[in-house]
Amino acid sequence: MNFPKLSDTFRLERLSLPEDQLRVVIDTDTFNEVDDQFAVAHALLSPERMKVEALYAAPYFNQRSTSPKDGMEKSYQELHTLLGRLGKPSEGLVYAGSTAYLENTKTPQESDVAKDLVKRAMSSKEPLYVMAIGAITNIASAILLEPEIIERIVVVWLGGHALHWPHTKEFNLKQDLHASQLILNSGVPSYLFRVWA
């Protein structure tokens, strides 16, 4: 895959946090753990800092789901439930994501999320902050569909453990290795956060 070549200057400029309101989409396995509900609620209740344009359901697979598809569907429903509790309409805000992880670094998992992310990213020169707090297939798939979005997005991803952690089996990264590899190799401006347990 040929990605646009971003200069170090451009990438550093994109990673400099602006002081005004951020355009944000949140990609989340919301049903998996309660921290995602708090993150989504906090973002939605912080309009002075974040304009949340969309909420994306991410796949996950563990004891709380029967498959990545089931995990995504549960997260999709949980996003609707959360918005209902906040008294916010979900129409046009919540999107269903990939039903499986990337099988390689060349073939996207097409979904409403991947299409919406491409459309949103390409609609403005203003950077779109992609807050990813789950498996990263949705974002990797959007990049495969339209590599030029790496010039228009900043990925903020919770995917890794603290350096002192006894292993590197971080849930978001280990379940989605091809997508993780694609994100790291694409050159997209990224903040990668580790869990500081």
N, C-alpha and C. Protein backbone atom coordinates (compact mmCIF):
# COMPACT_ATOMS: atom_id res chain seq x y z
N MET A 1 0.85 -1.18 0.00
CA MET A 1 0.00 0.00 0.00
C MET A 1 0.89 1.24 0.00
N ASN A 2 0.60 2.17 -0.89
CA ASN A 2 1.32 3.44 -0.94
C ASN A 2 0.53 4.51 -0.20
N PHE A 3 1.10 4.98 0.89
CA PHE A 3 0.47 6.04 1.66
C PHE A 3 1.10 7.37 1.28
N PRO A 4 0.35 8.46 1.39
CA PRO A 4 0.99 9.77 1.18
C PRO A 4 2.16 9.93 2.13
N LYS A 5 3.23 10.54 1.67
CA LYS A 5 4.41 10.77 2.50
C LYS A 5 4.23 12.11 3.22
N LEU A 6 4.16 12.04 4.54
CA LEU A 6 4.01 13.25 5.34
C LEU A 6 5.36 13.65 5.89
N SER A 7 5.67 14.93 5.78
CA SER A 7 6.95 15.40 6.32
C SER A 7 6.89 15.40 7.84
N ASP A 8 8.05 15.34 8.46
CA ASP A 8 8.11 15.42 9.92
C ASP A 8 7.52 16.73 10.41
N THR A 9 7.76 17.80 9.66
CA THR A 9 7.23 19.12 10.03
C THR A 9 5.70 19.09 10.03
N PHE A 10 5.12 18.52 8.98
CA PHE A 10 3.66 18.43 8.89
C PHE A 10 3.11 17.59 10.04
N ARG A 11 3.75 16.43 10.28
CA ARG A 11 3.27 15.54 11.33
C ARG A 11 3.34 16.22 12.70
N LEU A 12 4.44 16.91 12.98
CA LEU A 12 4.57 17.61 14.27
C LEU A 12 3.55 18.73 14.40
N GLU A 13 3.29 19.41 13.30
CA GLU A 13 2.28 20.47 13.32
C GLU A 13 0.91 19.89 13.65
N ARG A 14 0.59 18.75 13.03
CA ARG A 14 -0.69 18.09 13.30
C ARG A 14 -0.80 17.61 14.75
N LEU A 15 0.34 17.24 15.33
CA LEU A 15 0.34 16.74 16.70
C LEU A 15 0.39 17.85 17.75
N SER A 16 0.51 19.10 17.32
CA SER A 16 0.43 20.24 18.25
C SER A 16 -1.04 20.51 18.52
N LEU A 17 -1.44 20.35 19.75
CA LEU A 17 -2.85 20.46 20.11
C LEU A 17 -3.35 21.90 19.97
N PRO A 18 -4.34 22.13 19.11
CA PRO A 18 -4.87 23.49 18.98
C PRO A 18 -5.64 23.91 20.22
N GLU A 19 -5.78 25.20 20.40
CA GLU A 19 -6.47 25.71 21.58
C GLU A 19 -7.98 25.83 21.38
N ASP A 20 -8.43 25.79 20.14
CA ASP A 20 -9.86 25.92 19.89
C ASP A 20 -10.54 24.55 19.91
N GLN A 21 -11.83 24.54 19.63
CA GLN A 21 -12.62 23.31 19.67
C GLN A 21 -12.12 22.30 18.64
N LEU A 22 -12.05 21.03 19.04
CA LEU A 22 -11.58 19.96 18.17
C LEU A 22 -12.75 19.27 17.49
N ARG A 23 -12.57 18.93 16.22
CA ARG A 23 -13.51 18.04 15.53
C ARG A 23 -13.14 16.62 15.95
N VAL A 24 -14.12 15.86 16.46
CA VAL A 24 -13.82 14.55 17.06
C VAL A 24 -14.81 13.49 16.58
N VAL A 25 -14.29 12.29 16.31
CA VAL A 25 -15.10 11.08 16.22
C VAL A 25 -14.52 10.11 17.25
N ILE A 26 -15.36 9.28 17.83
CA ILE A 26 -14.91 8.33 18.85
C ILE A 26 -15.23 6.92 18.37
N ASP A 27 -14.21 6.09 18.29
CA ASP A 27 -14.32 4.69 17.87
C ASP A 27 -14.16 3.84 19.13
N THR A 28 -15.20 3.10 19.51
CA THR A 28 -15.23 2.52 20.84
C THR A 28 -15.90 1.15 20.91
N ASP A 29 -15.34 0.28 21.75
CA ASP A 29 -16.00 -0.99 22.08
C ASP A 29 -16.79 -0.78 23.38
N THR A 30 -17.76 0.08 23.30
CA THR A 30 -18.47 0.63 24.46
C THR A 30 -19.05 -0.41 25.41
N PHE A 31 -19.51 -1.53 24.89
CA PHE A 31 -20.13 -2.53 25.76
C PHE A 31 -19.11 -3.32 26.56
N ASN A 32 -17.86 -3.30 26.12
CA ASN A 32 -16.83 -4.14 26.72
C ASN A 32 -16.49 -3.76 28.16
N GLU A 33 -16.23 -2.48 28.40
CA GLU A 33 -15.83 -2.02 29.73
C GLU A 33 -16.44 -0.65 30.00
N VAL A 34 -16.59 -0.30 31.24
CA VAL A 34 -17.27 0.93 31.62
C VAL A 34 -16.45 2.18 31.30
N ASP A 35 -15.13 2.07 31.14
CA ASP A 35 -14.33 3.26 30.87
C ASP A 35 -14.75 3.94 29.57
N ASP A 36 -15.22 3.17 28.60
CA ASP A 36 -15.63 3.76 27.33
C ASP A 36 -16.89 4.62 27.49
N GLN A 37 -17.84 4.17 28.31
CA GLN A 37 -19.03 4.98 28.55
C GLN A 37 -18.66 6.33 29.17
N PHE A 38 -17.72 6.29 30.12
CA PHE A 38 -17.27 7.54 30.75
C PHE A 38 -16.59 8.45 29.72
N ALA A 39 -15.75 7.87 28.87
CA ALA A 39 -15.04 8.67 27.86
C ALA A 39 -16.01 9.31 26.89
N VAL A 40 -16.99 8.55 26.42
CA VAL A 40 -17.98 9.08 25.48
C VAL A 40 -18.82 10.17 26.15
N ALA A 41 -19.30 9.90 27.36
CA ALA A 41 -20.10 10.89 28.08
C ALA A 41 -19.30 12.17 28.32
N HIS A 42 -18.05 12.03 28.74
CA HIS A 42 -17.21 13.21 28.99
C HIS A 42 -17.05 14.04 27.71
N ALA A 43 -16.79 13.38 26.61
CA ALA A 43 -16.61 14.10 25.34
C ALA A 43 -17.90 14.82 24.94
N LEU A 44 -19.03 14.13 25.06
CA LEU A 44 -20.31 14.74 24.68
C LEU A 44 -20.68 15.91 25.59
N LEU A 45 -20.23 15.85 26.85
CA LEU A 45 -20.56 16.91 27.80
C LEU A 45 -19.48 17.99 27.87
N SER A 46 -18.58 17.99 26.89
CA SER A 46 -17.51 18.99 26.84
C SER A 46 -17.52 19.74 25.50
N PRO A 47 -18.66 20.34 25.14
CA PRO A 47 -18.75 20.98 23.82
C PRO A 47 -17.84 22.19 23.66
N GLU A 48 -17.40 22.77 24.77
CA GLU A 48 -16.49 23.91 24.66
C GLU A 48 -15.12 23.48 24.12
N ARG A 49 -14.81 22.20 24.23
CA ARG A 49 -13.50 21.69 23.78
C ARG A 49 -13.61 20.73 22.60
N MET A 50 -14.71 19.95 22.56
CA MET A 50 -14.86 18.93 21.52
C MET A 50 -16.21 19.00 20.83
N LYS A 51 -16.16 19.00 19.52
CA LYS A 51 -17.38 18.85 18.72
C LYS A 51 -17.41 17.40 18.27
N VAL A 52 -18.19 16.58 18.97
CA VAL A 52 -18.27 15.16 18.65
C VAL A 52 -19.18 15.00 17.44
N GLU A 53 -18.58 14.61 16.31
CA GLU A 53 -19.32 14.50 15.06
C GLU A 53 -19.93 13.12 14.86
N ALA A 54 -19.32 12.09 15.43
CA ALA A 54 -19.83 10.74 15.24
C ALA A 54 -19.29 9.81 16.31
N LEU A 55 -20.05 8.76 16.59
CA LEU A 55 -19.65 7.69 17.50
C LEU A 55 -19.66 6.40 16.71
N TYR A 56 -18.53 5.68 16.75
CA TYR A 56 -18.35 4.48 15.95
C TYR A 56 -18.25 3.25 16.86
N ALA A 57 -19.00 2.21 16.52
CA ALA A 57 -18.93 0.96 17.28
C ALA A 57 -17.80 0.09 16.73
N ALA A 58 -16.88 -0.29 17.61
CA ALA A 58 -15.72 -1.11 17.23
C ALA A 58 -15.96 -2.57 17.61
N PRO A 59 -15.40 -3.50 16.83
CA PRO A 59 -15.52 -4.92 17.19
C PRO A 59 -14.63 -5.27 18.38
N TYR A 60 -15.04 -6.27 19.12
CA TYR A 60 -14.18 -6.86 20.15
C TYR A 60 -14.66 -8.28 20.41
N PHE A 61 -13.76 -9.11 20.95
CA PHE A 61 -14.10 -10.51 21.21
C PHE A 61 -13.42 -10.95 22.49
N ASN A 62 -14.24 -11.25 23.48
CA ASN A 62 -13.77 -11.81 24.74
C ASN A 62 -14.95 -12.48 25.43
N GLN A 63 -14.90 -12.64 26.74
CA GLN A 63 -15.97 -13.32 27.46
C GLN A 63 -17.29 -12.54 27.45
N ARG A 64 -17.26 -11.28 27.01
CA ARG A 64 -18.49 -10.47 26.95
C ARG A 64 -19.11 -10.46 25.56
N SER A 65 -18.56 -11.25 24.64
CA SER A 65 -19.12 -11.33 23.29
C SER A 65 -18.86 -12.73 22.73
N THR A 66 -19.61 -13.10 21.71
CA THR A 66 -19.43 -14.42 21.10
C THR A 66 -18.57 -14.35 19.84
N SER A 67 -18.29 -13.13 19.36
CA SER A 67 -17.48 -12.92 18.15
C SER A 67 -17.19 -11.43 18.04
N PRO A 68 -16.24 -11.03 17.18
CA PRO A 68 -16.04 -9.59 16.96
C PRO A 68 -17.33 -8.90 16.48
N LYS A 69 -18.10 -9.59 15.63
CA LYS A 69 -19.37 -9.03 15.15
C LYS A 69 -20.33 -8.78 16.32
N ASP A 70 -20.47 -9.78 17.19
CA ASP A 70 -21.36 -9.65 18.35
C ASP A 70 -20.89 -8.51 19.25
N GLY A 71 -19.57 -8.40 19.45
CA GLY A 71 -19.04 -7.31 20.26
C GLY A 71 -19.36 -5.95 19.66
N MET A 72 -19.21 -5.82 18.34
CA MET A 72 -19.52 -4.54 17.69
C MET A 72 -21.01 -4.24 17.82
N GLU A 73 -21.86 -5.25 17.59
CA GLU A 73 -23.31 -5.02 17.67
C GLU A 73 -23.73 -4.62 19.09
N LYS A 74 -23.13 -5.24 20.10
CA LYS A 74 -23.44 -4.87 21.48
C LYS A 74 -22.98 -3.44 21.77
N SER A 75 -21.83 -3.08 21.25
CA SER A 75 -21.33 -1.71 21.45
C SER A 75 -22.20 -0.70 20.72
N TYR A 76 -22.66 -1.06 19.54
CA TYR A 76 -23.56 -0.19 18.77
C TYR A 76 -24.84 0.08 19.57
N GLN A 77 -25.42 -0.97 20.15
CA GLN A 77 -26.62 -0.80 20.97
C GLN A 77 -26.32 -0.01 22.24
N GLU A 78 -25.15 -0.25 22.83
CA GLU A 78 -24.78 0.46 24.05
C GLU A 78 -24.63 1.95 23.80
N LEU A 79 -24.12 2.32 22.63
CA LEU A 79 -24.01 3.74 22.29
C LEU A 79 -25.40 4.39 22.23
N HIS A 80 -26.36 3.69 21.65
CA HIS A 80 -27.74 4.20 21.62
C HIS A 80 -28.30 4.33 23.04
N THR A 81 -28.04 3.33 23.88
CA THR A 81 -28.51 3.37 25.27
C THR A 81 -27.89 4.55 26.01
N LEU A 82 -26.60 4.73 25.85
CA LEU A 82 -25.89 5.82 26.53
C LEU A 82 -26.43 7.18 26.10
N LEU A 83 -26.64 7.37 24.82
CA LEU A 83 -27.18 8.65 24.34
C LEU A 83 -28.58 8.88 24.87
N GLY A 84 -29.37 7.81 24.96
CA GLY A 84 -30.71 7.94 25.53
C GLY A 84 -30.67 8.41 26.97
N ARG A 85 -29.73 7.88 27.73
CA ARG A 85 -29.60 8.29 29.14
C ARG A 85 -29.13 9.73 29.26
N LEU A 86 -28.36 10.18 28.26
CA LEU A 86 -27.89 11.57 28.27
C LEU A 86 -28.92 12.53 27.66
N GLY A 87 -30.02 11.97 27.16
CA GLY A 87 -31.05 12.80 26.54
C GLY A 87 -30.61 13.39 25.20
N LYS A 88 -29.73 12.67 24.50
CA LYS A 88 -29.22 13.15 23.22
C LYS A 88 -29.69 12.21 22.11
N PRO A 89 -30.11 12.77 20.98
CA PRO A 89 -30.53 11.91 19.87
C PRO A 89 -29.35 11.16 19.26
N SER A 90 -29.59 9.91 18.86
CA SER A 90 -28.52 9.11 18.26
C SER A 90 -28.59 9.09 16.74
N GLU A 91 -29.69 9.55 16.18
CA GLU A 91 -29.86 9.58 14.73
C GLU A 91 -28.74 10.38 14.07
N GLY A 92 -28.05 9.76 13.13
CA GLY A 92 -26.97 10.44 12.42
C GLY A 92 -25.70 10.61 13.21
N LEU A 93 -25.64 10.07 14.42
CA LEU A 93 -24.46 10.21 15.27
C LEU A 93 -23.76 8.87 15.50
N VAL A 94 -24.53 7.77 15.54
CA VAL A 94 -23.99 6.45 15.86
C VAL A 94 -23.91 5.60 14.59
N TYR A 95 -22.74 4.98 14.38
CA TYR A 95 -22.51 4.17 13.18
C TYR A 95 -22.01 2.78 13.55
N ALA A 96 -22.48 1.78 12.80
CA ALA A 96 -22.04 0.39 12.99
C ALA A 96 -20.70 0.20 12.30
N GLY A 97 -19.79 -0.49 13.01
CA GLY A 97 -18.44 -0.70 12.49
C GLY A 97 -18.24 -2.07 11.88
N SER A 98 -16.99 -2.43 11.76
CA SER A 98 -16.58 -3.70 11.16
C SER A 98 -17.10 -4.87 11.98
N THR A 99 -17.42 -5.95 11.28
CA THR A 99 -17.90 -7.16 11.95
C THR A 99 -16.79 -8.19 12.14
N ALA A 100 -15.59 -7.85 11.66
CA ALA A 100 -14.42 -8.72 11.80
C ALA A 100 -13.18 -7.83 11.81
N TYR A 101 -12.07 -8.39 12.21
CA TYR A 101 -10.80 -7.66 12.19
C TYR A 101 -10.18 -7.75 10.79
N LEU A 102 -9.23 -6.88 10.51
CA LEU A 102 -8.50 -7.00 9.25
C LEU A 102 -7.84 -8.37 9.16
N GLU A 103 -7.93 -8.99 8.01
CA GLU A 103 -7.29 -10.29 7.80
C GLU A 103 -5.88 -10.14 7.25
N ASN A 104 -5.56 -8.95 6.74
CA ASN A 104 -4.24 -8.63 6.22
C ASN A 104 -4.11 -7.11 6.18
N THR A 105 -3.01 -6.59 5.71
CA THR A 105 -2.83 -5.13 5.70
C THR A 105 -3.17 -4.51 4.35
N LYS A 106 -3.89 -5.26 3.50
CA LYS A 106 -4.24 -4.75 2.17
C LYS A 106 -5.74 -4.66 1.91
N THR A 107 -6.53 -5.42 2.66
CA THR A 107 -7.96 -5.53 2.38
C THR A 107 -8.78 -4.93 3.52
N PRO A 108 -9.55 -3.86 3.24
CA PRO A 108 -10.35 -3.24 4.31
C PRO A 108 -11.56 -4.10 4.69
N GLN A 109 -12.03 -3.91 5.90
CA GLN A 109 -13.32 -4.42 6.33
C GLN A 109 -14.30 -3.27 6.09
N GLU A 110 -15.09 -3.39 5.04
CA GLU A 110 -16.00 -2.29 4.72
C GLU A 110 -17.13 -2.24 5.74
N SER A 111 -17.49 -1.02 6.12
CA SER A 111 -18.55 -0.80 7.11
C SER A 111 -19.05 0.63 6.97
N ASP A 112 -20.17 0.91 7.64
CA ASP A 112 -20.68 2.29 7.67
C ASP A 112 -19.65 3.22 8.30
N VAL A 113 -18.94 2.73 9.32
CA VAL A 113 -17.92 3.54 9.99
C VAL A 113 -16.81 3.92 9.02
N ALA A 114 -16.24 2.94 8.34
CA ALA A 114 -15.12 3.22 7.43
C ALA A 114 -15.53 4.24 6.37
N LYS A 115 -16.71 4.07 5.80
CA LYS A 115 -17.19 5.01 4.78
C LYS A 115 -17.42 6.39 5.37
N ASP A 116 -18.02 6.44 6.55
CA ASP A 116 -18.29 7.74 7.17
C ASP A 116 -16.99 8.46 7.53
N LEU A 117 -16.02 7.72 8.04
CA LEU A 117 -14.75 8.34 8.41
C LEU A 117 -14.05 8.94 7.19
N VAL A 118 -14.05 8.23 6.08
CA VAL A 118 -13.47 8.77 4.85
C VAL A 118 -14.20 10.05 4.44
N LYS A 119 -15.51 9.99 4.42
CA LYS A 119 -16.32 11.15 4.00
C LYS A 119 -16.06 12.35 4.91
N ARG A 120 -16.08 12.13 6.22
CA ARG A 120 -15.87 13.20 7.19
C ARG A 120 -14.46 13.80 7.08
N ALA A 121 -13.47 12.92 6.98
CA ALA A 121 -12.08 13.38 6.91
C ALA A 121 -11.84 14.21 5.65
N MET A 122 -12.39 13.78 4.54
CA MET A 122 -12.14 14.46 3.27
C MET A 122 -12.99 15.71 3.09
N SER A 123 -13.94 15.94 3.97
CA SER A 123 -14.86 17.08 3.82
C SER A 123 -14.26 18.40 4.28
N SER A 124 -13.11 18.37 4.96
CA SER A 124 -12.54 19.60 5.51
C SER A 124 -11.03 19.48 5.61
N LYS A 125 -10.35 20.60 5.48
CA LYS A 125 -8.90 20.64 5.68
C LYS A 125 -8.57 20.69 7.18
N GLU A 126 -9.57 21.07 7.97
CA GLU A 126 -9.38 21.11 9.43
C GLU A 126 -9.20 19.68 9.93
N PRO A 127 -8.20 19.41 10.78
CA PRO A 127 -7.97 18.02 11.21
C PRO A 127 -9.15 17.43 11.98
N LEU A 128 -9.37 16.16 11.74
CA LEU A 128 -10.39 15.40 12.45
C LEU A 128 -9.66 14.49 13.42
N TYR A 129 -9.96 14.62 14.71
CA TYR A 129 -9.33 13.80 15.74
C TYR A 129 -10.14 12.51 15.90
N VAL A 130 -9.47 11.40 15.66
CA VAL A 130 -10.10 10.08 15.75
C VAL A 130 -9.67 9.47 17.08
N MET A 131 -10.57 9.51 18.05
CA MET A 131 -10.31 8.96 19.37
C MET A 131 -10.68 7.48 19.34
N ALA A 132 -9.69 6.61 19.33
CA ALA A 132 -9.91 5.17 19.22
C ALA A 132 -9.62 4.51 20.56
N ILE A 133 -10.65 3.92 21.15
CA ILE A 133 -10.49 3.29 22.45
C ILE A 133 -10.94 1.83 22.39
N GLY A 134 -10.53 1.18 21.31
CA GLY A 134 -10.83 -0.22 21.10
C GLY A 134 -9.93 -0.76 20.01
N ALA A 135 -10.30 -1.90 19.44
CA ALA A 135 -9.58 -2.44 18.28
C ALA A 135 -9.64 -1.40 17.16
N ILE A 136 -8.60 -1.35 16.34
CA ILE A 136 -8.46 -0.22 15.41
C ILE A 136 -8.79 -0.56 13.96
N THR A 137 -9.50 -1.66 13.72
CA THR A 137 -9.87 -2.07 12.36
C THR A 137 -10.67 -1.01 11.62
N ASN A 138 -11.61 -0.35 12.29
CA ASN A 138 -12.43 0.65 11.60
C ASN A 138 -11.57 1.74 10.98
N ILE A 139 -10.60 2.23 11.73
CA ILE A 139 -9.75 3.32 11.25
C ILE A 139 -8.81 2.81 10.17
N ALA A 140 -8.20 1.65 10.39
CA ALA A 140 -7.31 1.07 9.38
C ALA A 140 -8.07 0.82 8.08
N SER A 141 -9.30 0.37 8.16
CA SER A 141 -10.10 0.12 6.96
C SER A 141 -10.37 1.42 6.21
N ALA A 142 -10.67 2.49 6.92
CA ALA A 142 -10.90 3.78 6.27
C ALA A 142 -9.63 4.24 5.54
N ILE A 143 -8.47 4.04 6.17
CA ILE A 143 -7.20 4.42 5.54
C ILE A 143 -6.97 3.58 4.28
N LEU A 144 -7.32 2.31 4.31
CA LEU A 144 -7.18 1.47 3.12
C LEU A 144 -8.15 1.91 2.02
N LEU A 145 -9.35 2.34 2.39
CA LEU A 145 -10.31 2.81 1.39
C LEU A 145 -9.85 4.11 0.74
N GLU A 146 -9.25 5.00 1.54
CA GLU A 146 -8.79 6.30 1.04
C GLU A 146 -7.54 6.72 1.79
N PRO A 147 -6.36 6.31 1.28
CA PRO A 147 -5.11 6.61 1.99
C PRO A 147 -4.87 8.09 2.25
N GLU A 148 -5.45 8.97 1.44
CA GLU A 148 -5.22 10.41 1.62
C GLU A 148 -5.78 10.95 2.93
N ILE A 149 -6.62 10.18 3.61
CA ILE A 149 -7.15 10.71 4.88
C ILE A 149 -6.05 10.86 5.92
N ILE A 150 -4.90 10.22 5.74
CA ILE A 150 -3.85 10.39 6.75
C ILE A 150 -3.35 11.83 6.80
N GLU A 151 -3.64 12.60 5.76
CA GLU A 151 -3.29 14.03 5.75
C GLU A 151 -4.32 14.86 6.50
N ARG A 152 -5.45 14.26 6.84
CA ARG A 152 -6.56 15.03 7.41
C ARG A 152 -6.99 14.59 8.80
N ILE A 153 -6.42 13.48 9.30
CA ILE A 153 -6.82 12.99 10.61
C ILE A 153 -5.63 12.93 11.57
N VAL A 154 -5.96 12.92 12.85
CA VAL A 154 -5.00 12.64 13.91
C VAL A 154 -5.61 11.50 14.72
N VAL A 155 -4.89 10.40 14.82
CA VAL A 155 -5.38 9.23 15.55
C VAL A 155 -4.88 9.30 16.99
N VAL A 156 -5.81 9.22 17.92
CA VAL A 156 -5.49 9.15 19.34
C VAL A 156 -5.97 7.78 19.80
N TRP A 157 -5.02 6.86 20.05
CA TRP A 157 -5.39 5.46 20.26
C TRP A 157 -4.88 4.93 21.59
N LEU A 158 -5.79 4.30 22.31
CA LEU A 158 -5.43 3.57 23.53
C LEU A 158 -5.05 2.16 23.10
N GLY A 159 -3.73 1.93 22.96
CA GLY A 159 -3.29 0.63 22.46
C GLY A 159 -1.89 0.29 22.92
N GLY A 160 -1.73 -0.14 24.13
CA GLY A 160 -0.42 -0.55 24.62
C GLY A 160 -0.35 -0.48 26.13
N HIS A 161 0.61 -1.18 26.70
CA HIS A 161 0.82 -1.15 28.14
C HIS A 161 1.96 -0.20 28.50
N ALA A 162 2.03 0.15 29.75
CA ALA A 162 3.17 0.92 30.27
C ALA A 162 4.44 0.12 30.07
N LEU A 163 5.55 0.80 29.93
CA LEU A 163 6.82 0.13 29.65
C LEU A 163 7.24 -0.84 30.76
N HIS A 164 6.80 -0.58 32.00
CA HIS A 164 7.17 -1.47 33.10
C HIS A 164 6.27 -2.71 33.20
N TRP A 165 5.24 -2.79 32.33
CA TRP A 165 4.28 -3.89 32.41
C TRP A 165 4.97 -5.21 32.07
N PRO A 166 4.61 -6.32 32.74
CA PRO A 166 5.34 -7.59 32.55
C PRO A 166 5.13 -8.25 31.19
N HIS A 167 4.16 -7.81 30.39
CA HIS A 167 3.96 -8.39 29.05
C HIS A 167 3.38 -7.32 28.13
N THR A 168 3.28 -7.64 26.85
CA THR A 168 2.76 -6.69 25.87
C THR A 168 1.43 -7.14 25.29
N LYS A 169 0.68 -7.92 26.02
CA LYS A 169 -0.58 -8.46 25.54
C LYS A 169 -1.74 -7.50 25.81
N GLU A 170 -1.61 -6.29 25.34
CA GLU A 170 -2.65 -5.28 25.54
C GLU A 170 -3.85 -5.63 24.67
N PHE A 171 -5.04 -5.58 25.23
CA PHE A 171 -6.25 -6.10 24.59
C PHE A 171 -6.53 -5.45 23.24
N ASN A 172 -6.55 -4.13 23.16
CA ASN A 172 -6.90 -3.45 21.91
C ASN A 172 -5.93 -3.78 20.78
N LEU A 173 -4.66 -3.90 21.11
CA LEU A 173 -3.64 -4.18 20.11
C LEU A 173 -3.60 -5.66 19.73
N LYS A 174 -3.61 -6.54 20.71
CA LYS A 174 -3.38 -7.96 20.42
C LYS A 174 -4.52 -8.60 19.64
N GLN A 175 -5.75 -8.09 19.78
CA GLN A 175 -6.86 -8.70 19.05
C GLN A 175 -6.93 -8.23 17.60
N ASP A 176 -6.13 -7.24 17.24
CA ASP A 176 -6.28 -6.60 15.94
C ASP A 176 -4.90 -6.28 15.34
N LEU A 177 -4.07 -7.31 15.19
CA LEU A 177 -2.67 -7.10 14.83
C LEU A 177 -2.45 -6.49 13.45
N HIS A 178 -3.19 -6.92 12.44
CA HIS A 178 -2.99 -6.37 11.10
C HIS A 178 -3.36 -4.89 11.06
N ALA A 179 -4.46 -4.53 11.69
CA ALA A 179 -4.86 -3.12 11.72
C ALA A 179 -3.86 -2.29 12.52
N SER A 180 -3.37 -2.84 13.62
CA SER A 180 -2.36 -2.14 14.42
C SER A 180 -1.11 -1.89 13.59
N GLN A 181 -0.68 -2.91 12.86
CA GLN A 181 0.50 -2.77 12.00
C GLN A 181 0.27 -1.70 10.93
N LEU A 182 -0.90 -1.70 10.33
CA LEU A 182 -1.20 -0.72 9.28
C LEU A 182 -1.16 0.70 9.83
N ILE A 183 -1.77 0.91 10.99
CA ILE A 183 -1.77 2.25 11.59
C ILE A 183 -0.34 2.71 11.85
N LEU A 184 0.48 1.84 12.41
CA LEU A 184 1.85 2.21 12.74
C LEU A 184 2.70 2.43 11.49
N ASN A 185 2.42 1.72 10.41
CA ASN A 185 3.21 1.84 9.19
C ASN A 185 2.72 2.93 8.23
N SER A 186 1.50 3.41 8.43
CA SER A 186 0.91 4.35 7.47
C SER A 186 1.51 5.75 7.55
N GLY A 187 2.07 6.11 8.69
CA GLY A 187 2.58 7.46 8.86
C GLY A 187 1.54 8.46 9.32
N VAL A 188 0.32 7.99 9.61
CA VAL A 188 -0.73 8.89 10.08
C VAL A 188 -0.29 9.55 11.40
N PRO A 189 -0.47 10.86 11.55
CA PRO A 189 -0.14 11.49 12.84
C PRO A 189 -0.92 10.80 13.96
N SER A 190 -0.20 10.33 14.98
CA SER A 190 -0.84 9.52 16.01
C SER A 190 -0.29 9.81 17.40
N TYR A 191 -1.19 9.79 18.35
CA TYR A 191 -0.84 9.71 19.77
C TYR A 191 -1.20 8.30 20.18
N LEU A 192 -0.26 7.53 20.67
CA LEU A 192 -0.54 6.19 21.14
C LEU A 192 -0.42 6.18 22.66
N PHE A 193 -1.53 5.93 23.33
CA PHE A 193 -1.54 5.94 24.79
C PHE A 193 -1.42 4.53 25.32
N ARG A 194 -0.69 4.40 26.40
CA ARG A 194 -0.56 3.11 27.06
C ARG A 194 -1.43 3.12 28.33
N VAL A 195 -1.81 1.94 28.74
CA VAL A 195 -2.52 1.78 30.00
C VAL A 195 -1.48 1.88 31.12
N TRP A 196 -1.69 2.79 32.03
CA TRP A 196 -0.72 2.99 33.13
C TRP A 196 -1.22 2.32 34.39
N ALA A 197 -1.25 1.01 34.37
CA ALA A 197 -1.75 0.26 35.52
C ALA A 197 -0.70 0.17 36.60
